[in-house]
Protein backbone atom coordinates (compact mmCIF):
# COMPACT_ATOMS: atom_id res chain seq x y z
CA MET A 1 -15.12 -96.51 141.03
CA ASN A 2 -12.41 -94.36 139.74
CA TYR A 3 -10.83 -95.26 136.47
CA PRO A 4 -7.41 -93.92 135.66
CA LEU A 5 -7.35 -91.40 132.84
CA LYS A 6 -6.50 -92.99 129.54
CA ALA A 7 -3.76 -91.42 127.52
CA LYS A 8 -4.86 -89.91 124.24
CA GLN A 9 -4.58 -92.38 121.43
CA ARG A 10 -2.25 -91.51 118.60
CA GLY A 11 -1.98 -92.85 115.10
CA VAL A 12 -3.82 -93.06 111.86
CA SER A 13 -7.32 -94.39 111.50
CA PHE A 14 -8.04 -97.18 109.05
CA LEU A 15 -9.83 -94.80 106.70
CA GLY A 16 -6.90 -92.40 106.84
CA LEU A 17 -4.51 -95.23 106.06
CA VAL A 18 -6.61 -96.32 103.05
CA VAL A 19 -6.67 -92.77 101.69
CA MET A 20 -2.91 -92.38 102.15
CA VAL A 21 -2.19 -95.70 100.40
CA ALA A 22 -4.52 -94.81 97.50
CA LEU A 23 -2.84 -91.43 97.11
CA GLY A 24 0.63 -93.01 97.20
CA VAL A 25 -0.31 -95.63 94.61
CA SER A 26 -1.80 -92.93 92.35
CA ILE A 27 1.36 -90.85 92.53
CA PHE A 28 3.48 -93.93 91.80
CA ILE A 29 1.38 -94.84 88.74
CA VAL A 30 1.55 -91.31 87.29
CA GLY A 31 5.28 -91.20 87.96
CA ALA A 32 5.79 -94.54 86.23
CA LYS A 33 4.05 -93.15 83.14
CA VAL A 34 5.90 -89.80 83.16
CA VAL A 35 9.47 -91.01 83.74
CA PRO A 36 9.90 -92.64 80.29
CA THR A 37 8.85 -89.39 78.57
CA VAL A 38 11.39 -87.43 80.61
CA ILE A 39 14.11 -89.94 79.69
CA GLU A 40 13.15 -89.62 76.01
CA HIS A 41 13.30 -85.81 76.31
CA GLN A 42 16.82 -86.07 77.69
CA ALA A 43 17.77 -88.31 74.75
CA ILE A 44 16.33 -85.73 72.34
CA LEU A 45 18.38 -82.97 73.95
CA LYS A 46 21.50 -85.12 73.56
CA ALA A 47 20.64 -85.88 69.92
CA ILE A 48 20.16 -82.22 68.97
CA GLU A 49 23.50 -81.38 70.53
CA LYS A 50 25.04 -83.95 68.16
CA ALA A 51 22.97 -82.67 65.25
CA LYS A 52 24.09 -79.07 65.57
CA THR A 53 27.51 -80.10 64.25
CA GLY A 54 25.98 -80.29 60.76
CA ASN A 55 26.48 -77.36 58.37
CA THR A 56 23.26 -77.54 56.36
CA VAL A 57 19.64 -78.10 57.34
CA PRO A 58 19.40 -81.53 55.65
CA GLU A 59 22.67 -82.59 57.27
CA VAL A 60 21.46 -81.54 60.74
CA ARG A 61 18.21 -83.45 60.24
CA THR A 62 20.06 -86.55 59.00
CA ILE A 63 22.40 -86.53 62.00
CA PHE A 64 19.41 -86.18 64.32
CA ASP A 65 17.54 -89.03 62.61
CA LYS A 66 20.56 -91.32 62.98
CA ALA A 67 20.87 -90.45 66.68
CA ALA A 68 17.10 -90.92 67.10
CA THR A 69 17.32 -94.40 65.62
CA ILE A 70 20.10 -95.34 68.03
CA ASP A 71 18.36 -93.86 71.11
CA ASP A 72 14.88 -95.11 70.09
CA ILE A 73 13.33 -91.64 69.91
CA SER A 74 9.81 -91.79 68.50
CA SER A 75 8.21 -88.50 69.57
CA ILE A 76 9.87 -86.31 66.94
CA SER A 77 11.96 -86.73 63.82
CA GLY A 78 14.43 -84.62 61.91
CA LYS A 79 11.69 -82.93 59.89
CA ASP A 80 10.18 -81.57 63.15
CA LEU A 81 13.34 -79.62 64.00
CA ASP A 82 13.62 -75.89 63.40
CA VAL A 83 17.17 -75.23 62.23
CA SER A 84 18.57 -71.69 61.98
CA LYS A 85 21.87 -69.88 62.21
CA ASN A 86 22.80 -67.33 64.82
CA GLY A 87 25.98 -65.77 63.51
CA ASP A 88 28.25 -68.73 62.75
CA LYS A 89 26.47 -71.12 65.15
CA VAL A 90 23.75 -73.57 64.14
CA VAL A 91 20.73 -73.32 66.46
CA VAL A 92 18.32 -76.26 66.63
CA THR A 93 14.96 -75.90 68.38
CA PHE A 94 12.07 -78.29 68.85
CA ALA A 95 8.71 -78.51 70.58
CA TYR A 96 6.28 -81.38 70.98
CA ASN A 97 3.41 -82.50 73.20
CA LYS A 98 3.12 -85.82 74.98
CA GLU A 99 -0.29 -87.09 76.12
CA ILE A 100 -0.37 -89.68 78.87
CA GLU A 101 -3.64 -91.52 79.52
CA LEU A 102 -4.42 -91.59 83.22
CA PHE A 103 -7.87 -93.17 83.48
CA GLY A 104 -11.04 -93.01 81.42
CA PRO A 105 -11.23 -89.67 79.63
CA ALA A 106 -8.48 -88.07 81.78
CA PHE A 107 -5.12 -87.35 80.17
CA LEU A 108 -1.96 -85.63 81.32
CA LEU A 109 -0.50 -83.26 78.70
CA ILE A 110 3.21 -82.45 78.91
CA LYS A 111 4.66 -79.82 76.56
CA TYR A 112 8.35 -80.34 75.88
CA THR A 113 10.59 -77.74 74.22
CA GLY A 114 14.32 -77.49 73.74
CA ARG A 115 17.06 -75.52 72.09
CA THR A 116 20.78 -75.90 71.55
CA LYS A 117 23.09 -73.45 73.24
């Protein structure tokens, strides 16, 4: 009895599919936790651009705190800003860390920094 040659099977095994789904879900969960911190960082950058219009250090910090209240910024406040002058321009810089709990004792640490132009 001669059996015709079977074509090679193609596709993903069940175990491969489970691993791919688990990896995709993990990436989605981490992304869902990181995206809000990135949005908050963008709001901070916008707020320091507004704050650099102030002439004195307390004024810059007050402007930032008002913008932070409006944009719901909780990672830093006006007192965390480093305000200096470069010629006649006000330069505002900041740096902060954001820890995101992944699972158990594992955390993701993101270091954010920024500076006005």
